[in-house]
Amino acid sequence: MGHHDVLLRATTNVSVVRNGGRATADAPAPRSPRVPNLAGLPSPVTWPFFVAASIHLLAQYAAWQGIAVADDVAELSKLVLLPALWLVLDAGLRHGARITGALPGWWRWAAAALAFSWLGDVVLTSEPLLLAGMGFFAVAHVAYVVTFLQAARGRSTQRPRWLVVPYLAWWGGLVVFALAGDVPVTFVVPALLYGTLLVAMAWLAARVSLAVGIGAALFVVSDSLIGLRVGDVTMPLHGVAVMATYLAAQALIVTGLIRAARDGSIRSSP
């Protein structure tokens, strides 16, 4: 028996032992599709959002520097930000469905939240339409509230009890700022209603996962910066700060939901 025959027999014996006595050929393990993940390297699904976000933030910075054409670039790039993030949500949840057997029951609400957020982005490219933009984002927060309520069912994640303190303090500060600050009268009541909805959304988000909770908290920060600007309170790079926190908020919420659905830690629809 030659050297090659001995090697072949030994390999076959190992295969037989591994397969419970059945002589079968070793097959390579199937490769699972790459999960879109904004925390890792960009994939063909996630790079459009990375590119659009980078262009938009650079344009915001250039506009702050006084470069006139940068305003147009910022407005145009803003229109593709959330559609690009929606692609990440869709691809990520569909990948998870191949593992769990079904899309999560809340996926339509999460998609609706991104859709109405996008409408708010479109409307807020015009300052006179601020109330309309606030209305679209209010609907988006309602959709996120439903998403988080459904996503939190049966979960063991414990929301820190102390978290209620900063959110209540924030809401109290909003009341003082709206009533005593330099806020137009027409914005006072809508701002208070919107702020209540925003805090409720952030409070419920913390029950889903840490990433989703942090994302919702950044949403509160971003909207607070917008509110300060409405009250004629600004800071250097104000527009960059608003959009950077907003994009981080939406990305963390989306990727947090994707990961939870993929890991099977959120109930799926029947």
C-alpha atoms as a PDB file:
ATOM      1  CA  MET A   1       0.000   0.000   0.000  1.00  0.00           C
ATOM      2  CA  GLY A   2       1.464   3.337  -1.057  1.00  0.00           C
ATOM      3  CA  HIS A   3       1.778   6.489   0.979  1.00  0.00           C
ATOM      4  CA  HIS A   4      -1.177   8.124  -0.758  1.00  0.00           C
ATOM      5  CA  ASP A   5      -3.386   5.083  -0.094  1.00  0.00           C
ATOM      6  CA  VAL A   6      -2.568   5.192   3.615  1.00  0.00           C
ATOM      7  CA  LEU A   7      -3.385   8.887   3.772  1.00  0.00           C
ATOM      8  CA  LEU A   8      -6.680   8.348   1.922  1.00  0.00           C
ATOM      9  CA  ARG A   9      -7.706   5.493   4.250  1.00  0.00           C
ATOM     10  CA  ALA A  10      -6.889   7.546   7.367  1.00  0.00           C
ATOM     11  CA  THR A  11      -8.900  10.480   6.079  1.00  0.00           C
ATOM     12  CA  THR A  12     -11.856   8.200   5.293  1.00  0.00           C
ATOM     13  CA  ASN A  13     -11.738   6.642   8.772  1.00  0.00           C
ATOM     14  CA  VAL A  14     -11.831  10.049  10.415  1.00  0.00           C
ATOM     15  CA  SER A  15     -14.824  10.987   8.267  1.00  0.00           C
ATOM     16  CA  VAL A  16     -16.603   7.758   9.208  1.00  0.00           C
ATOM     17  CA  VAL A  17     -16.052   8.350  12.924  1.00  0.00           C
ATOM     18  CA  ARG A  18     -17.328  11.937  12.656  1.00  0.00           C
ATOM     19  CA  ASN A  19     -20.494  10.810  10.897  1.00  0.00           C
ATOM     20  CA  GLY A  20     -21.485   8.056  13.291  1.00  0.00           C
ATOM     21  CA  GLY A  21     -20.068   5.176  11.209  1.00  0.00           C
ATOM     22  CA  ARG A  22     -21.440   6.447   7.877  1.00  0.00           C
ATOM     23  CA  ALA A  23     -18.773   6.994   5.244  1.00  0.00           C
ATOM     24  CA  THR A  24     -19.637  10.407   3.800  1.00  0.00           C
ATOM     25  CA  ALA A  25     -17.523  13.026   2.156  1.00  0.00           C
ATOM     26  CA  ASP A  26     -16.678  16.072   4.197  1.00  0.00           C
ATOM     27  CA  ALA A  27     -18.614  19.093   2.877  1.00  0.00           C
ATOM     28  CA  PRO A  28     -17.665  22.695   3.559  1.00  0.00           C
ATOM     29  CA  ALA A  29     -19.880  24.473   6.080  1.00  0.00           C
ATOM     30  CA  PRO A  30     -22.413  26.787   4.433  1.00  0.00           C
ATOM     31  CA  ARG A  31     -21.561  30.456   4.627  1.00  0.00           C
ATOM     32  CA  SER A  32     -24.213  32.622   6.210  1.00  0.00           C
ATOM     33  CA  PRO A  33     -24.960  35.978   4.578  1.00  0.00           C
ATOM     34  CA  ARG A  34     -23.228  38.952   6.125  1.00  0.00           C
ATOM     35  CA  VAL A  35     -25.548  40.857   8.416  1.00  0.00           C
ATOM     36  CA  PRO A  36     -25.688  44.586   7.643  1.00  0.00           C
ATOM     37  CA  ASN A  37     -24.038  46.126  10.670  1.00  0.00           C
ATOM     38  CA  LEU A  38     -23.184  49.786  11.065  1.00  0.00           C
ATOM     39  CA  ALA A  39     -20.837  48.870  13.918  1.00  0.00           C
ATOM     40  CA  GLY A  40     -18.545  46.947  11.523  1.00  0.00           C
ATOM     41  CA  LEU A  41     -16.982  47.580   8.139  1.00  0.00           C
ATOM     42  CA  PRO A  42     -19.319  48.985   5.477  1.00  0.00           C
ATOM     43  CA  SER A  43     -20.991  46.368   3.291  1.00  0.00           C
ATOM     44  CA  PRO A  44     -22.780  46.912  -0.063  1.00  0.00           C
ATOM     45  CA  VAL A  45     -25.938  47.481   1.978  1.00  0.00           C
ATOM     46  CA  THR A  46     -24.538  49.918   4.522  1.00  0.00           C
ATOM     47  CA  TRP A  47     -22.086  51.972   2.455  1.00  0.00           C
ATOM     48  CA  PRO A  48     -24.775  54.198   0.845  1.00  0.00           C
ATOM     49  CA  PHE A  49     -25.746  55.437   4.311  1.00  0.00           C
ATOM     50  CA  PHE A  50     -22.114  55.970   5.308  1.00  0.00           C
ATOM     51  CA  VAL A  51     -21.406  57.918   2.112  1.00  0.00           C
ATOM     52  CA  ALA A  52     -24.575  60.027   2.308  1.00  0.00           C
ATOM     53  CA  ALA A  53     -24.030  60.791   6.000  1.00  0.00           C
ATOM     54  CA  SER A  54     -20.392  61.763   5.424  1.00  0.00           C
ATOM     55  CA  ILE A  55     -21.266  64.038   2.505  1.00  0.00           C
ATOM     56  CA  HIS A  56     -24.067  65.663   4.456  1.00  0.00           C
ATOM     57  CA  LEU A  57     -22.017  66.361   7.577  1.00  0.00           C
ATOM     58  CA  LEU A  58     -19.113  67.723   5.520  1.00  0.00           C
ATOM     59  CA  ALA A  59     -21.558  69.957   3.658  1.00  0.00           C
ATOM     60  CA  GLN A  60     -22.974  71.181   6.970  1.00  0.00           C
ATOM     61  CA  TYR A  61     -19.477  72.058   8.121  1.00  0.00           C
ATOM     62  CA  ALA A  62     -18.681  73.803   4.821  1.00  0.00           C
ATOM     63  CA  ALA A  63     -21.907  75.797   5.107  1.00  0.00           C
ATOM     64  CA  TRP A  64     -20.867  76.912   8.586  1.00  0.00           C
ATOM     65  CA  GLN A  65     -17.597  78.061   7.030  1.00  0.00           C
ATOM     66  CA  GLY A  66     -19.616  80.234   4.654  1.00  0.00           C
ATOM     67  CA  ILE A  67     -19.280  78.218   1.435  1.00  0.00           C
ATOM     68  CA  ALA A  68     -22.517  79.048  -0.389  1.00  0.00           C
ATOM     69  CA  VAL A  69     -22.878  75.913  -2.519  1.00  0.00           C
ATOM     70  CA  ALA A  70     -22.568  73.768   0.603  1.00  0.00           C
ATOM     71  CA  ASP A  71     -26.143  74.594   1.613  1.00  0.00           C
ATOM     72  CA  ASP A  72     -27.479  73.044  -1.596  1.00  0.00           C
ATOM     73  CA  VAL A  73     -25.321  69.941  -1.130  1.00  0.00           C
ATOM     74  CA  ALA A  74     -26.528  69.571   2.456  1.00  0.00           C
ATOM     75  CA  GLU A  75     -30.189  69.837   1.433  1.00  0.00           C
ATOM     76  CA  LEU A  76     -29.826  67.347  -1.435  1.00  0.00           C
ATOM     77  CA  SER A  77     -27.843  64.812   0.574  1.00  0.00           C
ATOM     78  CA  LYS A  78     -30.377  65.037   3.401  1.00  0.00           C
ATOM     79  CA  LEU A  79     -33.019  63.597   1.095  1.00  0.00           C
ATOM     80  CA  VAL A  80     -31.186  60.275   0.688  1.00  0.00           C
ATOM     81  CA  LEU A  81     -30.082  59.696   4.286  1.00  0.00           C
ATOM     82  CA  LEU A  82     -33.083  57.805   5.631  1.00  0.00           C
ATOM     83  CA  PRO A  83     -33.889  55.921   2.413  1.00  0.00           C
ATOM     84  CA  ALA A  84     -30.324  54.583   2.662  1.00  0.00           C
ATOM     85  CA  LEU A  85     -30.901  53.640   6.298  1.00  0.00           C
ATOM     86  CA  TRP A  86     -34.199  52.005   5.373  1.00  0.00           C
ATOM     87  CA  LEU A  87     -32.234  49.678   3.079  1.00  0.00           C
ATOM     88  CA  VAL A  88     -30.151  48.644   6.095  1.00  0.00           C
ATOM     89  CA  LEU A  89     -33.290  47.985   8.165  1.00  0.00           C
ATOM     90  CA  ASP A  90     -34.931  45.979   5.386  1.00  0.00           C
ATOM     91  CA  ALA A  91     -31.857  43.868   4.605  1.00  0.00           C
ATOM     92  CA  GLY A  92     -31.062  43.271   8.256  1.00  0.00           C
ATOM     93  CA  LEU A  93     -34.562  42.161   9.205  1.00  0.00           C
ATOM     94  CA  ARG A  94     -34.851  39.921   6.156  1.00  0.00           C
ATOM     95  CA  HIS A  95     -31.561  38.276   7.085  1.00  0.00           C
ATOM     96  CA  GLY A  96     -32.889  37.709  10.586  1.00  0.00           C
ATOM     97  CA  ALA A  97     -36.085  36.235   9.134  1.00  0.00           C
ATOM     98  CA  ARG A  98     -34.014  33.551   7.393  1.00  0.00           C
ATOM     99  CA  ILE A  99     -32.790  32.543  10.852  1.00  0.00           C
ATOM    100  CA  THR A 100     -35.956  32.925  12.940  1.00  0.00           C
ATOM    101  CA  GLY A 101     -38.412  31.955  10.188  1.00  0.00           C
ATOM    102  CA  ALA A 102     -40.439  35.186  10.253  1.00  0.00           C
ATOM    103  CA  LEU A 103     -40.133  38.943  10.243  1.00  0.00           C
ATOM    104  CA  PRO A 104     -40.702  40.557  13.637  1.00  0.00           C
ATOM    105  CA  GLY A 105     -44.255  41.722  14.148  1.00  0.00           C
ATOM    106  CA  TRP A 106     -43.170  45.339  14.615  1.00  0.00           C
ATOM    107  CA  TRP A 107     -41.255  45.708  11.340  1.00  0.00           C
ATOM    108  CA  ARG A 108     -43.979  47.759   9.618  1.00  0.00           C
ATOM    109  CA  TRP A 109     -44.027  50.230  12.504  1.00  0.00           C
ATOM    110  CA  ALA A 110     -40.249  50.611  12.401  1.00  0.00           C
ATOM    111  CA  ALA A 111     -40.389  51.163   8.634  1.00  0.00           C
ATOM    112  CA  ALA A 112     -43.164  53.725   9.124  1.00  0.00           C
ATOM    113  CA  ALA A 113     -41.041  55.552  11.708  1.00  0.00           C
ATOM    114  CA  LEU A 114     -38.243  55.934   9.176  1.00  0.00           C
ATOM    115  CA  ALA A 115     -40.689  56.948   6.440  1.00  0.00           C
ATOM    116  CA  PHE A 116     -42.264  59.746   8.498  1.00  0.00           C
ATOM    117  CA  SER A 117     -38.839  60.811   9.733  1.00  0.00           C
ATOM    118  CA  TRP A 118     -37.826  61.165   6.093  1.00  0.00           C
ATOM    119  CA  LEU A 119     -40.907  63.271   5.391  1.00  0.00           C
ATOM    120  CA  GLY A 120     -39.923  65.444   8.327  1.00  0.00           C
ATOM    121  CA  ASP A 121     -36.423  65.803   6.880  1.00  0.00           C
ATOM    122  CA  VAL A 122     -37.860  66.830   3.522  1.00  0.00           C
ATOM    123  CA  VAL A 123     -40.200  69.424   5.020  1.00  0.00           C
ATOM    124  CA  LEU A 124     -37.590  70.840   7.388  1.00  0.00           C
ATOM    125  CA  THR A 125     -35.422  71.920   4.494  1.00  0.00           C
ATOM    126  CA  SER A 126     -37.731  74.969   4.596  1.00  0.00           C
ATOM    127  CA  GLU A 127     -37.846  76.995   7.844  1.00  0.00           C
ATOM    128  CA  PRO A 128     -41.476  78.202   7.385  1.00  0.00           C
ATOM    129  CA  LEU A 129     -42.608  74.563   7.429  1.00  0.00           C
ATOM    130  CA  LEU A 130     -41.197  73.839  10.891  1.00  0.00           C
ATOM    131  CA  LEU A 131     -44.588  72.969  12.387  1.00  0.00           C
ATOM    132  CA  ALA A 132     -45.336  70.571   9.528  1.00  0.00           C
ATOM    133  CA  GLY A 133     -41.960  68.929  10.028  1.00  0.00           C
ATOM    134  CA  MET A 134     -42.662  68.638  13.737  1.00  0.00           C
ATOM    135  CA  GLY A 135     -45.955  66.928  12.881  1.00  0.00           C
ATOM    136  CA  PHE A 136     -44.253  64.332  10.669  1.00  0.00           C
ATOM    137  CA  PHE A 137     -41.685  63.593  13.358  1.00  0.00           C
ATOM    138  CA  ALA A 138     -44.473  63.310  15.927  1.00  0.00           C
ATOM    139  CA  VAL A 139     -46.049  60.563  13.804  1.00  0.00           C
ATOM    140  CA  ALA A 140     -42.614  58.937  13.525  1.00  0.00           C
ATOM    141  CA  HIS A 141     -42.304  58.921  17.310  1.00  0.00           C
ATOM    142  CA  VAL A 142     -45.753  57.345  17.629  1.00  0.00           C
ATOM    143  CA  ALA A 143     -44.578  54.597  15.259  1.00  0.00           C
ATOM    144  CA  TYR A 144     -41.426  54.128  17.331  1.00  0.00           C
ATOM    145  CA  VAL A 145     -43.516  53.996  20.524  1.00  0.00           C
ATOM    146  CA  VAL A 146     -45.577  51.133  19.070  1.00  0.00           C
ATOM    147  CA  THR A 147     -42.400  49.446  17.817  1.00  0.00           C
ATOM    148  CA  PHE A 148     -40.748  49.586  21.231  1.00  0.00           C
ATOM    149  CA  LEU A 149     -43.876  48.482  23.081  1.00  0.00           C
ATOM    150  CA  GLN A 150     -44.123  45.393  20.887  1.00  0.00           C
ATOM    151  CA  ALA A 151     -40.377  44.786  20.887  1.00  0.00           C
ATOM    152  CA  ALA A 152     -40.155  44.884  24.679  1.00  0.00           C
ATOM    153  CA  ARG A 153     -42.740  42.150  25.244  1.00  0.00           C
ATOM    154  CA  GLY A 154     -41.227  39.133  26.941  1.00  0.00           C
ATOM    155  CA  ARG A 155     -37.786  40.707  27.211  1.00  0.00           C
ATOM    156  CA  SER A 156     -35.611  40.501  30.306  1.00  0.00           C
ATOM    157  CA  THR A 157     -33.807  43.795  29.707  1.00  0.00           C
ATOM    158  CA  GLN A 158     -34.070  45.942  32.806  1.00  0.00           C
ATOM    159  CA  ARG A 159     -34.460  49.666  32.295  1.00  0.00           C
ATOM    160  CA  PRO A 160     -32.441  51.649  34.887  1.00  0.00           C
ATOM    161  CA  ARG A 161     -34.834  53.206  37.371  1.00  0.00           C
ATOM    162  CA  TRP A 162     -32.730  56.356  37.601  1.00  0.00           C
ATOM    163  CA  LEU A 163     -33.340  56.992  33.904  1.00  0.00           C
ATOM    164  CA  VAL A 164     -36.649  58.622  34.721  1.00  0.00           C
ATOM    165  CA  VAL A 165     -34.828  61.463  36.512  1.00  0.00           C
ATOM    166  CA  PRO A 166     -32.983  63.026  33.530  1.00  0.00           C
ATOM    167  CA  TYR A 167     -36.008  62.634  31.266  1.00  0.00           C
ATOM    168  CA  LEU A 168     -38.320  64.304  33.787  1.00  0.00           C
ATOM    169  CA  ALA A 169     -35.730  67.016  34.291  1.00  0.00           C
ATOM    170  CA  TRP A 170     -35.497  67.496  30.536  1.00  0.00           C
ATOM    171  CA  TRP A 171     -39.279  67.811  30.230  1.00  0.00           C
ATOM    172  CA  GLY A 172     -39.358  70.320  33.084  1.00  0.00           C
ATOM    173  CA  GLY A 173     -36.637  72.314  31.354  1.00  0.00           C
ATOM    174  CA  LEU A 174     -38.667  72.245  28.161  1.00  0.00           C
ATOM    175  CA  VAL A 175     -41.679  73.721  29.961  1.00  0.00           C
ATOM    176  CA  VAL A 176     -39.579  76.529  31.433  1.00  0.00           C
ATOM    177  CA  PHE A 177     -37.838  77.226  28.120  1.00  0.00           C
ATOM    178  CA  ALA A 178     -41.116  77.228  26.171  1.00  0.00           C
ATOM    179  CA  LEU A 179     -42.937  79.509  28.587  1.00  0.00           C
ATOM    180  CA  ALA A 180     -40.147  81.827  29.702  1.00  0.00           C
ATOM    181  CA  GLY A 181     -37.783  81.692  26.742  1.00  0.00           C
ATOM    182  CA  ASP A 182     -37.843  83.525  23.442  1.00  0.00           C
ATOM    183  CA  VAL A 183     -40.062  80.902  21.752  1.00  0.00           C
ATOM    184  CA  PRO A 184     -42.800  82.078  19.346  1.00  0.00           C
ATOM    185  CA  VAL A 185     -46.264  81.701  20.869  1.00  0.00           C
ATOM    186  CA  THR A 186     -47.427  79.493  18.000  1.00  0.00           C
ATOM    187  CA  PHE A 187     -44.745  76.933  18.909  1.00  0.00           C
ATOM    188  CA  VAL A 188     -45.348  76.690  22.665  1.00  0.00           C
ATOM    189  CA  VAL A 189     -48.208  74.157  22.754  1.00  0.00           C
ATOM    190  CA  PRO A 190     -46.918  72.037  19.823  1.00  0.00           C
ATOM    191  CA  ALA A 191     -43.457  72.019  21.430  1.00  0.00           C
ATOM    192  CA  LEU A 192     -44.826  70.805  24.783  1.00  0.00           C
ATOM    193  CA  LEU A 193     -46.902  68.081  23.139  1.00  0.00           C
ATOM    194  CA  TYR A 194     -44.020  67.027  20.929  1.00  0.00           C
ATOM    195  CA  GLY A 195     -41.613  66.994  23.877  1.00  0.00           C
ATOM    196  CA  THR A 196     -43.944  64.733  25.858  1.00  0.00           C
ATOM    197  CA  LEU A 197     -44.107  62.288  22.965  1.00  0.00           C
ATOM    198  CA  LEU A 198     -40.334  62.443  22.476  1.00  0.00           C
ATOM    199  CA  VAL A 199     -39.621  61.622  26.129  1.00  0.00           C
ATOM    200  CA  ALA A 200     -42.140  58.756  26.079  1.00  0.00           C
ATOM    201  CA  MET A 201     -40.410  57.313  23.018  1.00  0.00           C
ATOM    202  CA  ALA A 202     -36.982  57.560  24.646  1.00  0.00           C
ATOM    203  CA  TRP A 203     -38.240  56.041  27.907  1.00  0.00           C
ATOM    204  CA  LEU A 204     -39.712  53.023  26.114  1.00  0.00           C
ATOM    205  CA  ALA A 205     -36.628  52.580  23.919  1.00  0.00           C
ATOM    206  CA  ALA A 206     -34.462  51.817  26.954  1.00  0.00           C
ATOM    207  CA  ARG A 207     -36.595  48.715  27.578  1.00  0.00           C
ATOM    208  CA  VAL A 208     -35.615  47.181  24.223  1.00  0.00           C
ATOM    209  CA  SER A 209     -31.810  47.273  24.323  1.00  0.00           C
ATOM    210  CA  LEU A 210     -28.901  49.482  25.279  1.00  0.00           C
ATOM    211  CA  ALA A 211     -28.217  50.501  21.668  1.00  0.00           C
ATOM    212  CA  VAL A 212     -31.850  51.446  21.036  1.00  0.00           C
ATOM    213  CA  GLY A 213     -31.980  53.333  24.334  1.00  0.00           C
ATOM    214  CA  ILE A 214     -28.837  55.328  23.536  1.00  0.00           C
ATOM    215  CA  GLY A 215     -30.168  56.061  20.058  1.00  0.00           C
ATOM    216  CA  ALA A 216     -33.407  57.420  21.466  1.00  0.00           C
ATOM    217  CA  ALA A 217     -31.493  59.533  23.989  1.00  0.00           C
ATOM    218  CA  LEU A 218     -29.471  61.049  21.139  1.00  0.00           C
ATOM    219  CA  PHE A 219     -32.775  61.788  19.403  1.00  0.00           C
ATOM    220  CA  VAL A 220     -33.728  63.852  22.448  1.00  0.00           C
ATOM    221  CA  VAL A 221     -30.378  65.678  22.260  1.00  0.00           C
ATOM    222  CA  SER A 222     -30.785  66.424  18.548  1.00  0.00           C
ATOM    223  CA  ASP A 223     -34.326  67.726  18.931  1.00  0.00           C
ATOM    224  CA  SER A 224     -33.229  69.801  21.925  1.00  0.00           C
ATOM    225  CA  LEU A 225     -30.626  71.500  19.757  1.00  0.00           C
ATOM    226  CA  ILE A 226     -33.323  72.272  17.187  1.00  0.00           C
ATOM    227  CA  GLY A 227     -35.511  73.707  19.935  1.00  0.00           C
ATOM    228  CA  LEU A 228     -32.687  75.942  21.123  1.00  0.00           C
ATOM    229  CA  ARG A 229     -32.277  77.271  17.595  1.00  0.00           C
ATOM    230  CA  VAL A 230     -36.005  78.045  17.429  1.00  0.00           C
ATOM    231  CA  GLY A 231     -35.502  80.060  20.613  1.00  0.00           C
ATOM    232  CA  ASP A 232     -32.606  81.952  19.005  1.00  0.00           C
ATOM    233  CA  VAL A 233     -30.010  80.100  21.085  1.00  0.00           C
ATOM    234  CA  THR A 234     -27.204  78.795  18.880  1.00  0.00           C
ATOM    235  CA  MET A 235     -23.637  77.582  19.232  1.00  0.00           C
ATOM    236  CA  PRO A 236     -20.725  77.010  16.864  1.00  0.00           C
ATOM    237  CA  LEU A 237     -21.335  74.136  14.425  1.00  0.00           C
ATOM    238  CA  HIS A 238     -24.949  73.995  15.543  1.00  0.00           C
ATOM    239  CA  GLY A 239     -26.207  72.403  12.316  1.00  0.00           C
ATOM    240  CA  VAL A 240     -23.441  69.805  12.352  1.00  0.00           C
ATOM    241  CA  ALA A 241     -24.287  68.883  15.954  1.00  0.00           C
ATOM    242  CA  VAL A 242     -28.004  68.577  15.158  1.00  0.00           C
ATOM    243  CA  MET A 243     -27.459  66.235  12.222  1.00  0.00           C
ATOM    244  CA  ALA A 244     -24.601  64.237  13.770  1.00  0.00           C
ATOM    245  CA  THR A 245     -26.687  63.359  16.826  1.00  0.00           C
ATOM    246  CA  TYR A 246     -29.766  62.744  14.670  1.00  0.00           C
ATOM    247  CA  LEU A 247     -27.992  60.362  12.305  1.00  0.00           C
ATOM    248  CA  ALA A 248     -26.333  58.528  15.185  1.00  0.00           C
ATOM    249  CA  ALA A 249     -29.727  58.246  16.871  1.00  0.00           C
ATOM    250  CA  GLN A 250     -31.487  56.738  13.871  1.00  0.00           C
ATOM    251  CA  ALA A 251     -28.558  54.418  13.091  1.00  0.00           C
ATOM    252  CA  LEU A 252     -28.369  53.102  16.663  1.00  0.00           C
ATOM    253  CA  ILE A 253     -32.121  52.512  16.815  1.00  0.00           C
ATOM    254  CA  VAL A 254     -32.119  50.656  13.491  1.00  0.00           C
ATOM    255  CA  THR A 255     -29.045  48.533  14.174  1.00  0.00           C
ATOM    256  CA  GLY A 256     -30.223  47.818  17.714  1.00  0.00           C
ATOM    257  CA  LEU A 257     -33.531  46.493  16.407  1.00  0.00           C
ATOM    258  CA  ILE A 258     -31.758  44.459  13.710  1.00  0.00           C
ATOM    259  CA  ARG A 259     -29.435  42.809  16.202  1.00  0.00           C
ATOM    260  CA  ALA A 260     -32.219  42.024  18.642  1.00  0.00           C
ATOM    261  CA  ALA A 261     -34.355  40.491  15.889  1.00  0.00           C
ATOM    262  CA  ARG A 262     -31.411  38.519  14.489  1.00  0.00           C
ATOM    263  CA  ASP A 263     -30.497  37.132  17.895  1.00  0.00           C
ATOM    264  CA  GLY A 264     -34.084  36.075  18.495  1.00  0.00           C
ATOM    265  CA  SER A 265     -34.319  38.262  21.594  1.00  0.00           C
ATOM    266  CA  ILE A 266     -37.446  39.978  20.264  1.00  0.00           C
ATOM    267  CA  ARG A 267     -40.597  38.033  19.511  1.00  0.00           C
ATOM    268  CA  SER A 268     -41.315  37.445  15.858  1.00  0.00           C
ATOM    269  CA  SER A 269     -44.696  37.610  14.217  1.00  0.00           C
ATOM    270  CA  PRO A 270     -46.497  34.245  13.837  1.00  0.00           C
END
